[in-house]
Amino acid sequence: MWLVFGSFLQSSTHFVTVFTNTMFVIILDFCHHSHMHSMINWSHVIGTYLPHIFTLGIAVLFALVVHQVINDTISSQQPDSGANILDNVRLAMETARTLFADLFHWILSHFHFFGAGAEHVITVDSYSKPLFSAKVKITFLLLCIILWIIKHDDPVYLMSFATFKAPESWKLSHAQIIEIMRRQRCFTEDSLDFMTRILERSGTGQATAWPPGIVQCLRDETTLADRSIEASRNEASTVICDIVEKALKRAKVHPKEIDVLVINCSLFSPTPSLCALVISKFGMRSDIRSFNLSGMGCSASLISVDLAKNLLQRKSGLFGGGKALVVSTEIITPNLYHGNERNFLLQNTLFRCGGAAIVLSNKWTDGMSAMYKLLHTVRVQVCFPVSFPLFF
């Protein structure tokens, strides 16, 4: 019986070796035929697969130890022994117990946990042969090296990315945008001409999105743009909920799996917050860590990613980790400028409705299905005395 089981373990080890070699040849063949293989950072590729290799290595280490126990059991049996299966199992368990007891005593003696009586615990027979075979020792050493590399590599992966696609009723041409500005009855002809020239040179298309609170001016000449808090919340809810739903669906993540939520919107910061809107809408956990960033300008998206990364890495670990949802948007409804200063008229022509959401994860199990791996985030805080008062 033990000979058959030992042969099965050897066959399994041979299968794992052949499978690993085959996959390695396929990867090399793929890289050989790839026109962009020279651009691949192989250290990050290997780092993505190291946790999976570590898990496989644990199984291999266990199989090697079992194989050694079986071999020791076979060698200790007499050739003419008439022991049944139960006796063989009992003998194997006794061999395993002796093996790990010797290992335990060896560790204690080498770290001087037994004090002066340590020499009486380890007998001379314990050193007549090594406790473990060379294969077990080499496998254990490789696993320690892999574990050290994994602990020093704390990756953050991009699981999904979604952007807002506005409905057709939100899309306006350049002529319609100028008509909306004219119907506000607050801009001079010189300002309207200036905005027309800016639109022609802005590079924006003839079907860009504007919120319903502003688009309603086209339906009635007597109606002004609705810049109320209610109209602003409607725009925020439409944009944010759309991109969050798509991002979670593409990442195949349930809302309750999100550990960190970061939303940035520079000019619209209501109470309850936009984070409260998302948490309530999608039924997220009550212990989620949520952050609503405002007043951070165009760099808010990068700041949000950096914040989410730092929060995720606090939950890092081989079997730990978490997921973060980062949402970036700007709400146009309450920010339509109604003056005639040219410096401020630019915002009426360059900005549109939009938003983006990403799902980040630092769980090593998500590495193989991730779109990208976050390598570095660098933030520099600069404030020029000349630039600061320009917004006031």
Protein backbone atom coordinates (compact mmCIF):
# COMPACT_ATOMS: atom_id res chain seq x y z
CA MET A 1 0.00 0.00 0.00
CA TRP A 2 2.71 2.46 0.98
CA LEU A 3 4.64 1.69 -2.20
CA VAL A 4 1.54 2.49 -4.29
CA PHE A 5 0.89 5.71 -2.37
CA GLY A 6 4.54 6.72 -2.68
CA SER A 7 4.41 6.10 -6.43
CA PHE A 8 1.28 8.27 -6.61
CA LEU A 9 3.07 11.15 -4.86
CA GLN A 10 6.01 10.82 -7.22
CA SER A 11 3.66 10.85 -10.22
CA SER A 12 1.90 13.94 -8.84
CA THR A 13 5.24 15.69 -8.37
CA HIS A 14 6.18 14.76 -11.94
CA PHE A 15 2.86 16.15 -13.22
CA VAL A 16 3.38 19.47 -11.39
CA THR A 17 6.90 19.71 -12.85
CA VAL A 18 5.71 19.00 -16.40
CA PHE A 19 2.79 21.44 -16.05
CA THR A 20 5.06 24.19 -14.69
CA ASN A 21 7.61 23.66 -17.48
CA THR A 22 4.86 23.71 -20.12
CA MET A 23 3.43 26.99 -18.79
CA PHE A 24 6.92 28.47 -18.67
CA VAL A 25 7.51 27.51 -22.32
CA ILE A 26 4.14 29.03 -23.31
CA ILE A 27 4.98 32.28 -21.51
CA LEU A 28 8.41 32.44 -23.17
CA ASP A 29 6.87 31.70 -26.58
CA PHE A 30 4.28 34.43 -26.04
CA CYS A 31 6.97 36.92 -25.04
CA HIS A 32 9.10 35.93 -28.02
CA HIS A 33 6.29 36.74 -30.45
CA SER A 34 5.19 39.91 -28.67
CA HIS A 35 6.33 43.12 -30.32
CA MET A 36 6.25 44.93 -26.98
CA HIS A 37 7.95 42.33 -24.78
CA SER A 38 10.92 44.62 -24.24
CA MET A 39 8.60 47.10 -22.48
CA ILE A 40 7.43 44.55 -19.89
CA ASN A 41 8.73 45.01 -16.36
CA TRP A 42 9.24 41.37 -15.49
CA SER A 43 9.90 42.05 -11.82
CA HIS A 44 6.30 43.25 -11.41
CA VAL A 45 4.98 40.35 -13.47
CA ILE A 46 6.79 37.82 -11.30
CA GLY A 47 5.73 39.69 -8.16
CA THR A 48 2.09 39.31 -9.19
CA TYR A 49 2.43 35.51 -9.36
CA LEU A 50 4.63 35.05 -6.28
CA PRO A 51 1.73 34.66 -3.79
CA HIS A 52 0.25 31.93 -5.97
CA ILE A 53 3.64 30.24 -6.21
CA PHE A 54 3.94 30.48 -2.40
CA THR A 55 0.57 28.74 -1.95
CA LEU A 56 1.61 26.00 -4.36
CA GLY A 57 4.93 25.69 -2.53
CA ILE A 58 3.15 25.08 0.79
CA ALA A 59 1.30 22.18 -0.84
CA VAL A 60 4.55 20.83 -2.30
CA LEU A 61 6.29 21.12 1.09
CA PHE A 62 3.47 19.19 2.75
CA ALA A 63 3.62 16.51 0.04
CA LEU A 64 7.39 16.14 0.50
CA VAL A 65 7.02 15.75 4.26
CA VAL A 66 4.30 13.12 3.77
CA HIS A 67 6.49 11.36 1.22
CA GLN A 68 9.39 11.29 3.72
CA VAL A 69 7.14 9.91 6.46
CA ILE A 70 5.93 7.14 4.13
CA ASN A 71 9.48 6.26 3.11
CA ASP A 72 10.57 6.13 6.78
CA THR A 73 7.58 3.93 7.55
CA ILE A 74 8.38 1.54 4.69
CA SER A 75 12.04 1.31 5.67
CA SER A 76 11.13 0.56 9.30
CA GLN A 77 8.80 -2.33 8.38
CA GLN A 78 9.98 -5.93 8.20
CA PRO A 79 9.68 -7.55 4.76
CA ASP A 80 7.61 -10.46 6.10
CA SER A 81 5.44 -8.34 8.33
CA GLY A 82 1.74 -9.23 8.21
CA ALA A 83 0.50 -5.85 9.44
CA ASN A 84 -2.86 -4.70 8.16
CA ILE A 85 -3.83 -1.23 6.92
CA LEU A 86 -4.71 0.02 10.43
CA ASP A 87 -1.29 -0.98 11.71
CA ASN A 88 0.37 0.80 8.78
CA VAL A 89 -1.57 4.00 9.49
CA ARG A 90 -0.68 3.79 13.17
CA LEU A 91 2.98 3.28 12.30
CA ALA A 92 2.93 6.26 9.90
CA MET A 93 1.40 8.50 12.56
CA GLU A 94 4.01 7.37 15.07
CA THR A 95 6.77 8.12 12.55
CA ALA A 96 5.34 11.60 11.89
CA ARG A 97 5.02 12.27 15.63
CA THR A 98 8.63 11.25 16.18
CA LEU A 99 9.77 13.41 13.29
CA PHE A 100 8.11 16.57 14.55
CA ALA A 101 9.04 15.87 18.16
CA ASP A 102 12.69 15.65 17.13
CA LEU A 103 12.29 18.89 15.19
CA PHE A 104 10.74 20.61 18.22
CA HIS A 105 13.55 19.43 20.50
CA TRP A 106 16.16 20.47 17.95
CA ILE A 107 14.73 24.01 17.81
CA LEU A 108 14.60 24.33 21.59
CA SER A 109 18.11 23.03 22.06
CA HIS A 110 19.62 25.33 19.44
CA PHE A 111 17.92 28.35 20.97
CA HIS A 112 18.97 27.21 24.49
CA PHE A 113 15.40 26.97 25.76
CA PHE A 114 16.28 23.87 27.79
CA GLY A 115 19.19 25.44 29.63
CA ALA A 116 21.76 23.13 31.15
CA GLY A 117 19.67 19.98 30.67
CA ALA A 118 19.38 20.33 26.93
CA GLU A 119 21.90 17.59 26.25
CA HIS A 120 19.64 15.03 27.94
CA VAL A 121 16.69 15.79 25.65
CA ILE A 122 18.33 15.16 22.28
CA THR A 123 19.79 11.73 22.09
CA VAL A 124 22.69 10.68 19.97
CA ASP A 125 20.34 8.71 17.71
CA SER A 126 18.53 11.95 16.78
CA TYR A 127 21.65 13.08 14.94
CA SER A 128 22.36 9.77 13.25
CA LYS A 129 20.54 11.12 10.19
CA PRO A 130 19.02 14.48 9.18
CA LEU A 131 15.52 15.24 10.40
CA PHE A 132 14.34 16.23 6.93
CA SER A 133 15.52 15.37 3.46
CA ALA A 134 17.41 17.84 1.30
CA LYS A 135 14.30 18.41 -0.85
CA VAL A 136 12.28 19.49 2.19
CA LYS A 137 15.02 21.85 3.37
CA ILE A 138 15.47 23.47 -0.05
CA THR A 139 11.70 23.89 -0.50
CA PHE A 140 11.39 25.45 2.96
CA LEU A 141 14.26 27.85 2.23
CA LEU A 142 12.69 28.92 -1.07
CA LEU A 143 9.35 29.50 0.64
CA CYS A 144 11.03 31.72 3.24
CA ILE A 145 12.63 33.79 0.48
CA ILE A 146 9.33 34.11 -1.40
CA LEU A 147 7.51 35.11 1.80
CA TRP A 148 10.13 37.79 2.50
CA ILE A 149 9.68 39.22 -1.01
CA ILE A 150 5.89 39.20 -0.68
CA LYS A 151 6.00 40.99 2.67
CA HIS A 152 8.16 43.76 1.18
CA ASP A 153 5.98 44.14 -1.91
CA ASP A 154 2.68 45.86 -1.12
CA PRO A 155 0.95 46.20 -4.51
CA VAL A 156 -2.23 48.09 -5.32
CA TYR A 157 -4.15 46.88 -8.37
CA LEU A 158 -6.67 48.62 -10.64
CA MET A 159 -9.62 46.26 -10.96
CA SER A 160 -11.96 48.38 -13.12
CA PHE A 161 -12.42 51.82 -14.63
CA ALA A 162 -15.68 53.52 -15.63
CA THR A 163 -16.55 56.93 -17.07
CA PHE A 164 -19.85 58.78 -17.39
CA LYS A 165 -21.69 58.62 -20.68
CA ALA A 166 -24.27 61.38 -20.76
CA PRO A 167 -27.78 60.80 -22.19
CA GLU A 168 -28.62 62.38 -25.52
CA SER A 169 -30.83 65.01 -23.85
CA TRP A 170 -27.75 66.44 -22.12
CA LYS A 171 -25.68 66.97 -25.28
CA LEU A 172 -25.36 70.43 -26.84
CA SER A 173 -23.64 71.97 -29.83
CA HIS A 174 -21.56 75.14 -29.72
CA ALA A 175 -24.47 77.20 -31.05
CA GLN A 176 -26.80 75.87 -28.36
CA ILE A 177 -24.27 76.68 -25.65
CA ILE A 178 -24.02 80.30 -26.82
CA GLU A 179 -27.82 80.50 -26.99
CA ILE A 180 -28.02 79.35 -23.36
CA MET A 181 -25.54 82.06 -22.36
CA ARG A 182 -27.54 84.66 -24.23
CA ARG A 183 -30.76 83.65 -22.47
CA GLN A 184 -29.17 84.28 -19.07
CA ARG A 185 -29.56 88.00 -19.90
CA CYS A 186 -26.41 88.91 -17.97
CA PHE A 187 -23.65 88.73 -20.62
CA THR A 188 -22.65 91.58 -22.91
CA GLU A 189 -22.24 91.06 -26.65
CA ASP A 190 -18.50 91.37 -26.21
CA SER A 191 -18.57 88.50 -23.66
CA LEU A 192 -20.72 86.37 -25.95
CA ASP A 193 -18.30 86.96 -28.85
CA PHE A 194 -15.39 86.06 -26.61
CA MET A 195 -17.04 82.79 -25.50
CA THR A 196 -17.84 81.97 -29.14
CA ARG A 197 -14.19 82.36 -30.13
CA ILE A 198 -13.08 80.25 -27.15
CA LEU A 199 -15.50 77.48 -28.11
CA GLU A 200 -14.22 77.45 -31.70
CA ARG A 201 -10.65 77.00 -30.47
CA SER A 202 -11.37 74.79 -27.45
CA GLY A 203 -11.22 71.46 -29.28
CA THR A 204 -14.56 70.37 -27.80
CA GLY A 205 -17.07 68.59 -30.03
CA GLN A 206 -20.58 69.44 -31.10
CA ALA A 207 -22.20 66.99 -28.65
CA THR A 208 -20.78 67.74 -25.20
CA ALA A 209 -22.79 67.23 -22.01
CA TRP A 210 -24.42 69.95 -19.92
CA PRO A 211 -26.66 69.30 -16.89
CA PRO A 212 -30.48 69.45 -17.14
CA GLY A 213 -30.65 72.46 -14.84
CA ILE A 214 -28.83 74.51 -17.50
CA VAL A 215 -30.18 72.77 -20.62
CA GLN A 216 -33.75 73.68 -19.62
CA CYS A 217 -33.09 77.23 -20.86
CA LEU A 218 -33.43 75.96 -24.45
CA ARG A 219 -37.02 74.80 -23.88
CA ASP A 220 -38.27 78.19 -22.72
CA GLU A 221 -36.77 81.61 -23.42
CA THR A 222 -38.10 82.99 -20.13
CA THR A 223 -36.47 80.27 -18.03
CA LEU A 224 -33.10 80.90 -16.46
CA ALA A 225 -30.57 78.25 -15.49
CA ASP A 226 -31.55 76.34 -12.37
CA ARG A 227 -28.55 76.57 -10.03
CA SER A 228 -30.38 75.35 -6.93
CA ILE A 229 -29.05 72.75 -4.50
CA GLU A 230 -31.74 70.33 -5.68
CA ALA A 231 -30.69 70.60 -9.34
CA SER A 232 -27.05 70.22 -8.30
CA ARG A 233 -27.85 67.09 -6.30
CA ASN A 234 -29.76 65.63 -9.26
CA GLU A 235 -26.71 66.09 -11.49
CA ALA A 236 -24.40 64.62 -8.85
CA SER A 237 -26.67 61.63 -8.26
CA THR A 238 -27.01 60.88 -11.99
CA VAL A 239 -23.27 61.10 -12.72
CA ILE A 240 -21.88 59.44 -9.60
CA CYS A 241 -24.37 56.58 -9.31
CA ASP A 242 -23.93 55.72 -12.99
CA ILE A 243 -20.14 55.41 -12.86
CA VAL A 244 -20.12 53.65 -9.47
CA GLU A 245 -22.57 51.02 -10.70
CA LYS A 246 -20.53 50.38 -13.86
CA ALA A 247 -17.21 50.26 -11.99
CA LEU A 248 -18.48 47.75 -9.43
CA LYS A 249 -20.07 45.61 -12.12
CA ARG A 250 -16.92 45.49 -14.25
CA ALA A 251 -14.78 44.61 -11.20
CA LYS A 252 -17.33 41.96 -10.13
CA VAL A 253 -17.34 43.48 -6.66
CA HIS A 254 -20.33 43.69 -4.34
CA PRO A 255 -20.85 47.11 -2.69
CA LYS A 256 -20.40 45.55 0.75
CA GLU A 257 -16.88 44.44 -0.21
CA ILE A 258 -15.71 48.07 -0.45
CA ASP A 259 -13.57 49.05 2.55
CA VAL A 260 -12.58 52.59 1.50
CA LEU A 261 -14.64 55.20 -0.39
CA VAL A 262 -13.07 58.44 -1.63
CA ILE A 263 -15.05 61.01 -3.64
CA ASN A 264 -13.59 64.29 -4.87
CA CYS A 265 -15.62 67.21 -6.18
CA SER A 266 -13.97 70.58 -5.88
CA LEU A 267 -16.81 73.10 -6.08
CA PHE A 268 -19.87 71.22 -4.82
CA SER A 269 -19.68 69.92 -1.27
CA PRO A 270 -23.19 69.43 0.15
CA THR A 271 -24.37 68.06 3.48
CA PRO A 272 -25.11 65.12 3.64
CA SER A 273 -21.97 64.46 1.64
CA LEU A 274 -21.61 62.78 -1.72
CA CYS A 275 -20.11 59.79 0.10
CA ALA A 276 -23.32 59.52 2.12
CA LEU A 277 -25.24 59.51 -1.18
CA VAL A 278 -23.25 56.55 -2.52
CA ILE A 279 -23.29 54.59 0.74
CA SER A 280 -27.05 54.99 1.04
CA LYS A 281 -27.76 54.26 -2.62
CA PHE A 282 -25.69 51.07 -2.83
CA GLY A 283 -26.13 49.80 0.73
CA MET A 284 -22.47 49.74 1.70
CA ARG A 285 -21.20 48.62 5.10
CA SER A 286 -21.58 50.82 8.15
CA ASP A 287 -17.86 50.54 8.98
CA ILE A 288 -16.67 51.75 5.56
CA ARG A 289 -14.00 54.46 5.68
CA SER A 290 -15.36 57.34 3.58
CA PHE A 291 -13.72 60.63 2.60
CA ASN A 292 -15.24 63.54 0.67
CA LEU A 293 -12.57 65.85 -0.78
CA SER A 294 -13.44 69.36 -1.95
CA GLY A 295 -11.55 72.46 -3.02
CA MET A 296 -8.57 70.41 -4.28
CA GLY A 297 -8.81 71.50 -7.93
CA CYS A 298 -7.72 69.44 -10.91
CA SER A 299 -5.20 67.44 -8.87
CA ALA A 300 -7.93 66.00 -6.65
CA SER A 301 -8.10 62.76 -8.65
CA LEU A 302 -4.44 61.95 -8.01
CA ILE A 303 -4.75 62.96 -4.38
CA SER A 304 -7.74 60.62 -4.03
CA VAL A 305 -5.80 57.71 -5.52
CA ASP A 306 -2.89 58.40 -3.16
CA LEU A 307 -5.24 58.55 -0.17
CA ALA A 308 -6.95 55.28 -1.15
CA LYS A 309 -3.57 53.60 -1.66
CA ASN A 310 -2.30 54.65 1.78
CA LEU A 311 -5.50 53.46 3.46
CA LEU A 312 -5.43 50.12 1.66
CA GLN A 313 -1.82 49.45 2.58
CA ARG A 314 -2.75 49.77 6.25
CA LYS A 315 -4.81 46.62 5.70
CA SER A 316 -2.01 44.82 3.89
CA GLY A 317 -0.85 41.30 4.57
CA LEU A 318 -0.44 37.95 2.87
CA PHE A 319 -4.04 36.98 3.59
CA GLY A 320 -5.35 40.50 4.28
CA GLY A 321 -6.00 43.47 2.05
CA GLY A 322 -9.12 45.31 0.99
CA LYS A 323 -10.85 47.18 -1.80
CA ALA A 324 -11.30 50.91 -2.41
CA LEU A 325 -13.67 52.87 -4.62
CA VAL A 326 -12.42 56.24 -5.89
CA VAL A 327 -14.84 58.64 -7.62
CA SER A 328 -13.82 61.87 -9.33
CA THR A 329 -16.29 64.39 -10.75
CA GLU A 330 -17.19 68.05 -10.98
CA ILE A 331 -20.73 69.43 -10.77
CA ILE A 332 -21.47 72.18 -13.30
CA THR A 333 -25.00 73.20 -12.23
CA PRO A 334 -24.16 75.64 -9.39
CA ASN A 335 -20.99 77.00 -11.01
CA LEU A 336 -22.18 78.80 -14.14
CA TYR A 337 -20.48 82.20 -14.08
CA HIS A 338 -22.84 85.18 -14.55
CA GLY A 339 -20.32 88.00 -14.92
CA ASN A 340 -18.31 89.55 -17.72
CA GLU A 341 -14.71 89.19 -16.58
CA ARG A 342 -12.87 87.27 -19.29
CA ASN A 343 -10.71 85.31 -16.88
CA PHE A 344 -13.83 83.74 -15.37
CA LEU A 345 -15.73 83.31 -18.65
CA LEU A 346 -13.39 80.45 -19.56
CA GLN A 347 -15.15 78.10 -17.15
CA ASN A 348 -18.43 78.57 -19.03
CA THR A 349 -16.86 77.24 -22.22
CA LEU A 350 -14.24 74.66 -21.23
CA PHE A 351 -15.90 72.52 -18.54
CA ARG A 352 -18.58 69.86 -19.08
CA CYS A 353 -20.42 67.16 -17.15
CA GLY A 354 -18.39 64.05 -16.48
CA GLY A 355 -16.99 61.68 -13.92
CA ALA A 356 -14.81 58.64 -13.47
CA ALA A 357 -14.73 55.81 -10.94
CA ILE A 358 -12.08 53.17 -10.27
CA VAL A 359 -11.93 50.12 -8.02
CA LEU A 360 -8.58 49.48 -6.34
CA SER A 361 -7.48 46.37 -4.46
CA ASN A 362 -4.37 45.26 -2.60
CA LYS A 363 -5.44 41.62 -2.24
CA TRP A 364 -2.86 39.35 -3.82
CA THR A 365 -5.64 37.13 -5.17
CA ASP A 366 -6.74 40.00 -7.44
CA GLY A 367 -3.33 40.40 -9.07
CA MET A 368 -4.00 38.02 -11.97
CA SER A 369 -7.31 39.65 -12.93
CA ALA A 370 -6.22 43.29 -12.49
CA MET A 371 -5.96 45.76 -15.36
CA TYR A 372 -2.95 47.67 -14.02
CA LYS A 373 -0.64 47.80 -11.02
CA LEU A 374 -0.03 51.08 -9.22
CA LEU A 375 3.71 51.63 -8.96
CA HIS A 376 4.25 55.12 -7.57
CA THR A 377 2.31 58.15 -6.38
CA VAL A 378 4.19 61.40 -5.89
CA ARG A 379 2.58 64.52 -4.44
CA VAL A 380 4.21 67.95 -4.26
CA GLN A 381 2.47 70.85 -2.50
CA VAL A 382 3.27 74.18 -4.18
CA CYS A 383 1.69 77.57 -3.46
CA PHE A 384 2.66 80.70 -5.37
CA PRO A 385 1.67 84.05 -3.79
CA VAL A 386 0.77 85.41 -7.23
CA SER A 387 -1.51 82.49 -8.16
CA PHE A 388 -3.40 82.06 -4.91
CA PRO A 389 -5.52 85.28 -5.01
CA LEU A 390 -6.57 84.75 -8.66
CA PHE A 391 -9.56 82.66 -7.59
CA PHE A 392 -11.02 85.34 -5.37
